[in-house]
N, C-alpha and C. Protein backbone atom coordinates (compact mmCIF):
# COMPACT_ATOMS: atom_id res chain seq x y z
N PRO A 1 19.71 43.22 46.39
CA PRO A 1 18.43 43.87 46.20
C PRO A 1 18.28 44.39 44.77
N ASN A 2 17.04 44.62 44.36
CA ASN A 2 16.81 45.24 43.06
C ASN A 2 16.12 46.59 43.25
N THR A 3 15.80 47.25 42.16
CA THR A 3 15.26 48.61 42.26
C THR A 3 13.90 48.66 42.95
N ALA A 4 13.21 47.54 43.03
CA ALA A 4 11.91 47.51 43.72
C ALA A 4 12.06 47.68 45.23
N ILE A 5 13.30 47.72 45.71
CA ILE A 5 13.53 47.98 47.14
C ILE A 5 12.96 49.34 47.52
N SER A 6 12.91 50.25 46.55
CA SER A 6 12.41 51.60 46.82
C SER A 6 10.93 51.61 47.20
N VAL A 7 10.21 50.52 46.90
CA VAL A 7 8.80 50.40 47.27
C VAL A 7 8.55 49.19 48.18
N GLY A 8 9.63 48.68 48.78
CA GLY A 8 9.51 47.56 49.71
C GLY A 8 9.15 46.24 49.07
N LYS A 9 9.52 46.05 47.79
CA LYS A 9 9.17 44.83 47.06
C LYS A 9 10.37 44.17 46.39
N SER A 10 11.56 44.37 46.94
CA SER A 10 12.76 43.79 46.34
C SER A 10 12.78 42.28 46.49
N MET A 11 13.39 41.61 45.54
CA MET A 11 13.73 40.19 45.66
C MET A 11 15.24 40.16 45.81
N THR A 12 15.71 39.76 46.99
CA THR A 12 17.13 39.79 47.31
C THR A 12 17.63 38.38 47.55
N CYS A 13 18.71 38.02 46.87
CA CYS A 13 19.34 36.73 47.09
C CYS A 13 20.60 36.92 47.92
N ILE A 14 20.80 35.99 48.85
CA ILE A 14 21.90 36.08 49.81
C ILE A 14 22.70 34.79 49.75
N CYS A 15 24.03 34.93 49.77
CA CYS A 15 24.90 33.77 49.88
C CYS A 15 25.98 34.10 50.90
N SER A 16 26.63 33.07 51.38
CA SER A 16 27.70 33.31 52.35
C SER A 16 28.72 32.19 52.29
N ASN A 17 29.89 32.49 52.85
CA ASN A 17 30.87 31.44 53.05
C ASN A 17 30.57 30.80 54.40
N GLU A 18 31.37 29.83 54.80
CA GLU A 18 31.13 29.14 56.08
C GLU A 18 31.16 30.11 57.25
N LYS A 19 32.08 31.05 57.23
CA LYS A 19 32.21 32.00 58.33
C LYS A 19 30.96 32.88 58.46
N GLY A 20 30.33 33.20 57.36
CA GLY A 20 29.16 34.08 57.38
C GLY A 20 27.83 33.37 57.58
N LYS A 21 27.83 32.03 57.59
CA LYS A 21 26.58 31.27 57.71
C LYS A 21 25.74 31.70 58.91
N LYS A 22 26.41 32.05 60.00
CA LYS A 22 25.69 32.43 61.22
C LYS A 22 24.91 33.72 61.05
N ARG A 23 25.28 34.52 60.07
CA ARG A 23 24.65 35.83 59.90
C ARG A 23 23.61 35.85 58.77
N VAL A 24 23.42 34.73 58.11
CA VAL A 24 22.47 34.69 56.99
C VAL A 24 21.05 35.01 57.46
N GLU A 25 20.63 34.44 58.57
CA GLU A 25 19.27 34.70 59.05
C GLU A 25 19.07 36.18 59.39
N LEU A 26 20.10 36.81 59.95
CA LEU A 26 20.02 38.24 60.23
C LEU A 26 19.89 39.03 58.93
N ALA A 27 20.70 38.68 57.93
CA ALA A 27 20.63 39.36 56.64
C ALA A 27 19.25 39.17 56.01
N LYS A 28 18.72 37.96 56.07
CA LYS A 28 17.38 37.71 55.52
C LYS A 28 16.33 38.53 56.25
N ALA A 29 16.44 38.62 57.56
CA ALA A 29 15.48 39.41 58.34
C ALA A 29 15.52 40.88 57.92
N ILE A 30 16.71 41.39 57.68
CA ILE A 30 16.85 42.78 57.24
C ILE A 30 16.22 42.97 55.87
N PHE A 31 16.59 42.12 54.91
CA PHE A 31 16.08 42.29 53.55
C PHE A 31 14.60 41.94 53.42
N ASN A 32 14.10 41.06 54.28
CA ASN A 32 12.66 40.75 54.25
C ASN A 32 11.81 41.95 54.66
N ARG A 33 12.41 42.90 55.34
CA ARG A 33 11.68 44.13 55.68
C ARG A 33 11.54 45.04 54.46
N MET A 34 12.31 44.75 53.41
CA MET A 34 12.29 45.57 52.19
C MET A 34 11.85 44.75 50.98
N GLY A 35 11.18 43.64 51.25
CA GLY A 35 10.73 42.77 50.18
C GLY A 35 10.82 41.33 50.61
N HIS A 36 11.46 40.52 49.79
CA HIS A 36 11.58 39.08 50.05
C HIS A 36 13.04 38.69 49.81
N SER A 37 13.52 37.73 50.57
CA SER A 37 14.90 37.27 50.38
C SER A 37 14.94 35.75 50.31
N MET A 38 16.03 35.26 49.74
CA MET A 38 16.23 33.83 49.58
C MET A 38 17.73 33.55 49.68
N GLU A 39 18.09 32.52 50.41
CA GLU A 39 19.48 32.10 50.46
C GLU A 39 19.74 31.16 49.29
N ILE A 40 20.82 31.43 48.57
CA ILE A 40 21.19 30.61 47.42
C ILE A 40 22.68 30.30 47.49
N PRO A 41 23.14 29.27 46.78
CA PRO A 41 24.58 29.01 46.70
C PRO A 41 25.28 30.14 45.94
N GLU A 42 26.51 30.42 46.31
CA GLU A 42 27.26 31.50 45.68
C GLU A 42 27.34 31.33 44.17
N GLY A 43 27.44 30.10 43.70
CA GLY A 43 27.54 29.84 42.27
C GLY A 43 26.30 30.24 41.48
N GLN A 44 25.20 30.52 42.15
CA GLN A 44 23.98 30.95 41.46
C GLN A 44 23.76 32.46 41.53
N MET A 45 24.70 33.19 42.10
CA MET A 45 24.49 34.62 42.29
C MET A 45 24.36 35.38 40.96
N GLN A 46 25.14 35.02 39.93
CA GLN A 46 25.01 35.70 38.65
C GLN A 46 23.64 35.41 38.03
N ALA A 47 23.20 34.17 38.13
CA ALA A 47 21.87 33.82 37.59
C ALA A 47 20.78 34.58 38.34
N ALA A 48 20.92 34.69 39.65
CA ALA A 48 19.94 35.43 40.45
C ALA A 48 19.93 36.91 40.07
N THR A 49 21.09 37.45 39.76
CA THR A 49 21.17 38.86 39.34
C THR A 49 20.36 39.07 38.06
N VAL A 50 20.48 38.13 37.13
CA VAL A 50 19.71 38.24 35.88
C VAL A 50 18.21 38.15 36.17
N ILE A 51 17.80 37.18 36.97
CA ILE A 51 16.37 36.98 37.23
C ILE A 51 15.79 38.12 38.06
N CYS A 52 16.51 38.54 39.08
CA CYS A 52 15.95 39.51 40.04
C CYS A 52 16.25 40.96 39.71
N ALA A 53 17.43 41.27 39.22
CA ALA A 53 17.78 42.66 38.92
C ALA A 53 17.41 43.00 37.47
N SER A 54 17.98 42.28 36.52
CA SER A 54 17.59 42.49 35.12
C SER A 54 16.11 42.17 34.93
N GLY A 55 15.63 41.22 35.71
CA GLY A 55 14.23 40.80 35.62
C GLY A 55 13.24 41.93 35.80
N VAL A 56 13.58 42.92 36.60
CA VAL A 56 12.69 44.08 36.76
C VAL A 56 12.48 44.74 35.39
N ALA A 57 13.55 44.91 34.64
CA ALA A 57 13.43 45.51 33.30
C ALA A 57 12.65 44.60 32.36
N PHE A 58 12.86 43.28 32.48
CA PHE A 58 12.12 42.35 31.62
C PHE A 58 10.62 42.48 31.88
N TRP A 59 10.23 42.53 33.16
CA TRP A 59 8.81 42.69 33.51
C TRP A 59 8.28 44.04 33.05
N MET A 60 9.10 45.08 33.14
CA MET A 60 8.67 46.40 32.66
C MET A 60 8.36 46.35 31.17
N ARG A 61 9.16 45.61 30.42
CA ARG A 61 8.92 45.50 28.98
C ARG A 61 7.61 44.76 28.71
N LEU A 62 7.31 43.74 29.49
CA LEU A 62 6.04 43.02 29.33
C LEU A 62 4.86 43.92 29.68
N ILE A 63 5.01 44.71 30.73
CA ILE A 63 3.95 45.65 31.11
C ILE A 63 3.78 46.71 30.02
N ARG A 64 4.89 47.18 29.47
CA ARG A 64 4.81 48.16 28.39
C ARG A 64 4.09 47.58 27.18
N ALA A 65 4.40 46.35 26.81
CA ALA A 65 3.75 45.72 25.66
C ALA A 65 2.25 45.54 25.92
N THR A 66 1.90 45.15 27.14
CA THR A 66 0.49 45.01 27.48
C THR A 66 -0.21 46.37 27.41
N THR A 67 0.47 47.40 27.87
CA THR A 67 -0.07 48.76 27.80
C THR A 67 -0.31 49.15 26.34
N GLN A 68 0.65 48.87 25.47
CA GLN A 68 0.50 49.21 24.06
C GLN A 68 -0.67 48.46 23.43
N GLY A 69 -0.83 47.19 23.82
CA GLY A 69 -1.97 46.43 23.32
C GLY A 69 -3.29 47.03 23.77
N ALA A 70 -3.34 47.46 25.03
CA ALA A 70 -4.57 48.07 25.55
C ALA A 70 -4.88 49.39 24.84
N ILE A 71 -3.84 50.14 24.50
CA ILE A 71 -4.04 51.39 23.75
C ILE A 71 -4.62 51.06 22.38
N GLN A 72 -4.08 50.03 21.74
CA GLN A 72 -4.58 49.64 20.43
C GLN A 72 -6.04 49.19 20.50
N LEU A 73 -6.45 48.69 21.66
CA LEU A 73 -7.84 48.27 21.84
C LEU A 73 -8.77 49.41 22.26
N GLY A 74 -8.21 50.63 22.40
CA GLY A 74 -9.06 51.79 22.61
C GLY A 74 -8.93 52.50 23.94
N PHE A 75 -8.11 52.01 24.85
CA PHE A 75 -7.91 52.71 26.13
C PHE A 75 -6.92 53.84 25.94
N ASP A 76 -7.09 54.92 26.72
CA ASP A 76 -6.07 55.96 26.66
C ASP A 76 -4.82 55.46 27.39
N ALA A 77 -3.72 56.14 27.19
CA ALA A 77 -2.42 55.66 27.68
C ALA A 77 -2.40 55.46 29.20
N LYS A 78 -2.96 56.39 29.93
CA LYS A 78 -2.96 56.28 31.39
C LYS A 78 -3.79 55.09 31.86
N GLU A 79 -4.99 54.95 31.29
CA GLU A 79 -5.84 53.81 31.64
C GLU A 79 -5.17 52.49 31.27
N ALA A 80 -4.56 52.46 30.09
CA ALA A 80 -3.91 51.25 29.60
C ALA A 80 -2.79 50.81 30.54
N GLN A 81 -1.98 51.76 30.98
CA GLN A 81 -0.89 51.42 31.89
C GLN A 81 -1.44 50.95 33.23
N GLU A 82 -2.48 51.59 33.72
CA GLU A 82 -3.09 51.18 34.99
C GLU A 82 -3.63 49.76 34.89
N LEU A 83 -4.31 49.45 33.80
CA LEU A 83 -4.81 48.10 33.58
C LEU A 83 -3.67 47.08 33.58
N ALA A 84 -2.61 47.39 32.84
CA ALA A 84 -1.48 46.47 32.73
C ALA A 84 -0.78 46.27 34.07
N MET A 85 -0.51 47.36 34.77
CA MET A 85 0.21 47.26 36.05
C MET A 85 -0.57 46.47 37.09
N HIS A 86 -1.84 46.78 37.22
CA HIS A 86 -2.62 46.12 38.27
C HIS A 86 -2.94 44.67 37.92
N THR A 87 -3.07 44.36 36.64
CA THR A 87 -3.25 42.97 36.24
C THR A 87 -1.99 42.17 36.53
N CYS A 88 -0.83 42.74 36.23
CA CYS A 88 0.45 42.09 36.53
C CYS A 88 0.60 41.86 38.03
N ASN A 89 0.31 42.89 38.81
CA ASN A 89 0.39 42.79 40.26
C ASN A 89 -0.57 41.71 40.78
N GLY A 90 -1.78 41.67 40.25
CA GLY A 90 -2.75 40.67 40.67
C GLY A 90 -2.31 39.26 40.32
N ALA A 91 -1.76 39.09 39.12
CA ALA A 91 -1.29 37.77 38.70
C ALA A 91 -0.17 37.27 39.61
N ALA A 92 0.80 38.14 39.90
CA ALA A 92 1.89 37.76 40.79
C ALA A 92 1.36 37.46 42.19
N SER A 93 0.43 38.27 42.66
CA SER A 93 -0.14 38.06 43.99
C SER A 93 -0.88 36.73 44.07
N LEU A 94 -1.59 36.35 43.01
CA LEU A 94 -2.25 35.05 42.98
C LEU A 94 -1.26 33.92 43.21
N LEU A 95 -0.13 33.97 42.54
CA LEU A 95 0.88 32.92 42.69
C LEU A 95 1.52 32.95 44.06
N ILE A 96 1.82 34.14 44.56
CA ILE A 96 2.45 34.27 45.87
C ILE A 96 1.52 33.75 46.96
N GLU A 97 0.27 34.14 46.90
CA GLU A 97 -0.69 33.77 47.95
C GLU A 97 -1.11 32.30 47.87
N SER A 98 -1.30 31.79 46.65
CA SER A 98 -1.81 30.42 46.50
C SER A 98 -0.70 29.37 46.50
N GLY A 99 0.49 29.78 46.06
CA GLY A 99 1.57 28.80 45.90
C GLY A 99 1.38 27.93 44.67
N ASN A 100 0.40 28.25 43.85
CA ASN A 100 0.13 27.46 42.65
C ASN A 100 1.18 27.69 41.57
N HIS A 101 1.28 26.73 40.67
CA HIS A 101 2.10 26.87 39.47
C HIS A 101 1.35 27.80 38.51
N PRO A 102 2.06 28.60 37.72
CA PRO A 102 1.37 29.49 36.78
C PRO A 102 0.35 28.78 35.88
N GLU A 103 0.66 27.57 35.45
CA GLU A 103 -0.28 26.86 34.56
C GLU A 103 -1.61 26.57 35.25
N GLU A 104 -1.59 26.34 36.56
CA GLU A 104 -2.85 26.12 37.28
C GLU A 104 -3.73 27.36 37.20
N GLU A 105 -3.13 28.52 37.36
CA GLU A 105 -3.91 29.77 37.28
C GLU A 105 -4.35 30.04 35.84
N ILE A 106 -3.49 29.70 34.88
CA ILE A 106 -3.88 29.86 33.47
C ILE A 106 -5.08 28.98 33.17
N ASP A 107 -5.04 27.74 33.65
CA ASP A 107 -6.16 26.82 33.41
C ASP A 107 -7.47 27.34 33.99
N ARG A 108 -7.39 28.12 35.05
CA ARG A 108 -8.61 28.66 35.68
C ARG A 108 -9.28 29.74 34.83
N VAL A 109 -8.52 30.36 33.92
CA VAL A 109 -9.11 31.45 33.13
C VAL A 109 -9.25 31.13 31.64
N THR A 110 -8.86 29.93 31.25
CA THR A 110 -9.00 29.58 29.84
C THR A 110 -10.21 28.66 29.65
N THR A 111 -10.91 28.88 28.56
CA THR A 111 -12.04 28.02 28.20
C THR A 111 -11.81 27.52 26.78
N PRO A 112 -12.33 26.34 26.46
CA PRO A 112 -12.15 25.82 25.10
C PRO A 112 -12.64 26.82 24.06
N MET A 113 -11.80 27.07 23.09
CA MET A 113 -12.10 27.96 21.98
C MET A 113 -12.33 29.41 22.41
N GLY A 114 -11.90 29.77 23.62
CA GLY A 114 -12.12 31.11 24.14
C GLY A 114 -11.04 32.10 23.73
N CYS A 115 -11.27 33.34 24.14
CA CYS A 115 -10.33 34.41 23.76
C CYS A 115 -8.99 34.27 24.48
N THR A 116 -8.97 33.74 25.70
CA THR A 116 -7.70 33.63 26.43
C THR A 116 -6.79 32.59 25.79
N ILE A 117 -7.31 31.40 25.53
CA ILE A 117 -6.47 30.36 24.93
C ILE A 117 -6.05 30.76 23.52
N THR A 118 -6.91 31.45 22.80
CA THR A 118 -6.56 31.92 21.46
C THR A 118 -5.40 32.90 21.54
N GLY A 119 -5.47 33.85 22.46
CA GLY A 119 -4.38 34.81 22.64
C GLY A 119 -3.10 34.15 23.11
N LEU A 120 -3.20 33.24 24.08
CA LEU A 120 -2.00 32.54 24.57
C LEU A 120 -1.33 31.75 23.46
N ASN A 121 -2.13 31.03 22.67
CA ASN A 121 -1.55 30.24 21.58
C ASN A 121 -0.87 31.13 20.55
N GLU A 122 -1.47 32.27 20.22
CA GLU A 122 -0.83 33.19 19.27
C GLU A 122 0.49 33.72 19.83
N MET A 123 0.50 34.08 21.12
CA MET A 123 1.74 34.55 21.74
C MET A 123 2.82 33.48 21.68
N GLU A 124 2.46 32.24 21.93
CA GLU A 124 3.44 31.15 21.86
C GLU A 124 3.90 30.91 20.42
N HIS A 125 2.97 30.98 19.47
CA HIS A 125 3.36 30.82 18.06
C HIS A 125 4.34 31.91 17.64
N GLN A 126 4.21 33.08 18.22
CA GLN A 126 5.12 34.20 17.93
C GLN A 126 6.40 34.14 18.75
N GLY A 127 6.51 33.17 19.66
CA GLY A 127 7.77 32.95 20.38
C GLY A 127 7.89 33.63 21.73
N LEU A 128 6.78 33.92 22.40
CA LEU A 128 6.85 34.64 23.68
C LEU A 128 7.75 33.93 24.68
N SER A 129 7.44 32.69 25.03
CA SER A 129 8.24 31.99 26.04
C SER A 129 9.68 31.82 25.59
N SER A 130 9.86 31.44 24.33
CA SER A 130 11.20 31.24 23.80
C SER A 130 12.01 32.54 23.85
N SER A 131 11.39 33.65 23.49
CA SER A 131 12.09 34.95 23.52
C SER A 131 12.50 35.31 24.94
N LEU A 132 11.62 35.10 25.90
CA LEU A 132 11.96 35.39 27.29
C LEU A 132 13.13 34.53 27.76
N ILE A 133 13.05 33.25 27.48
CA ILE A 133 14.11 32.34 27.91
C ILE A 133 15.43 32.72 27.24
N HIS A 134 15.41 32.99 25.95
CA HIS A 134 16.64 33.38 25.25
C HIS A 134 17.20 34.69 25.79
N GLY A 135 16.33 35.64 26.11
CA GLY A 135 16.79 36.90 26.70
C GLY A 135 17.45 36.68 28.05
N ILE A 136 16.87 35.82 28.87
CA ILE A 136 17.44 35.51 30.18
C ILE A 136 18.81 34.85 30.02
N ILE A 137 18.90 33.88 29.12
CA ILE A 137 20.17 33.18 28.89
C ILE A 137 21.22 34.14 28.34
N SER A 138 20.83 35.02 27.42
CA SER A 138 21.78 36.01 26.87
C SER A 138 22.30 36.94 27.96
N SER A 139 21.42 37.38 28.84
CA SER A 139 21.85 38.22 29.96
C SER A 139 22.81 37.47 30.87
N TYR A 140 22.51 36.21 31.11
CA TYR A 140 23.39 35.39 31.95
C TYR A 140 24.76 35.22 31.28
N ASP A 141 24.76 34.96 29.98
CA ASP A 141 26.04 34.83 29.27
C ASP A 141 26.86 36.11 29.40
N LYS A 142 26.20 37.26 29.31
CA LYS A 142 26.90 38.54 29.41
C LYS A 142 27.46 38.75 30.82
N ILE A 143 26.69 38.45 31.84
CA ILE A 143 27.16 38.67 33.21
C ILE A 143 28.30 37.71 33.56
N THR A 144 28.25 36.49 33.03
CA THR A 144 29.36 35.56 33.31
C THR A 144 30.60 35.95 32.51
N GLU A 145 30.40 36.58 31.36
CA GLU A 145 31.53 37.10 30.59
C GLU A 145 32.25 38.17 31.41
N PHE A 146 31.49 39.06 32.05
CA PHE A 146 32.09 40.09 32.91
C PHE A 146 32.83 39.45 34.08
N LYS A 147 32.24 38.44 34.67
CA LYS A 147 32.83 37.78 35.84
C LYS A 147 34.15 37.11 35.47
N ASN A 148 34.22 36.56 34.27
CA ASN A 148 35.40 35.80 33.85
C ASN A 148 36.53 36.68 33.32
N LYS A 149 36.32 37.99 33.23
CA LYS A 149 37.38 38.88 32.73
C LYS A 149 38.32 39.26 33.84
């Protein structure tokens, strides 16, 4: 589980050996009451820790940056954070409910020469996706370093 378990929104990954296979569904049922769970191979547990546990902090940083941008655009700090949090929640909910790929939802809100595509392109030129991926890989390298000691 991750820290979002405190609000019933944890993403929990479960693995087992052969002996424990019979209890995986029970474990999933328990953790699904506190969020969402997924069975994964044991070899992916460190990667899942980075995505699901460290990932909470990564998303917090993105929300913080969005909040700072909203403040720069004239919103007070409380309004800016509310805008950022609820937009993030709405975006995630769109994907969860629709099952769509993020690019499908992006395509729905971008127009040729519009403000959304202009902002997205600038973020990519500044390395947004690359920075996120490198941060995830660096976290994974660190957690596997701990495992191998």
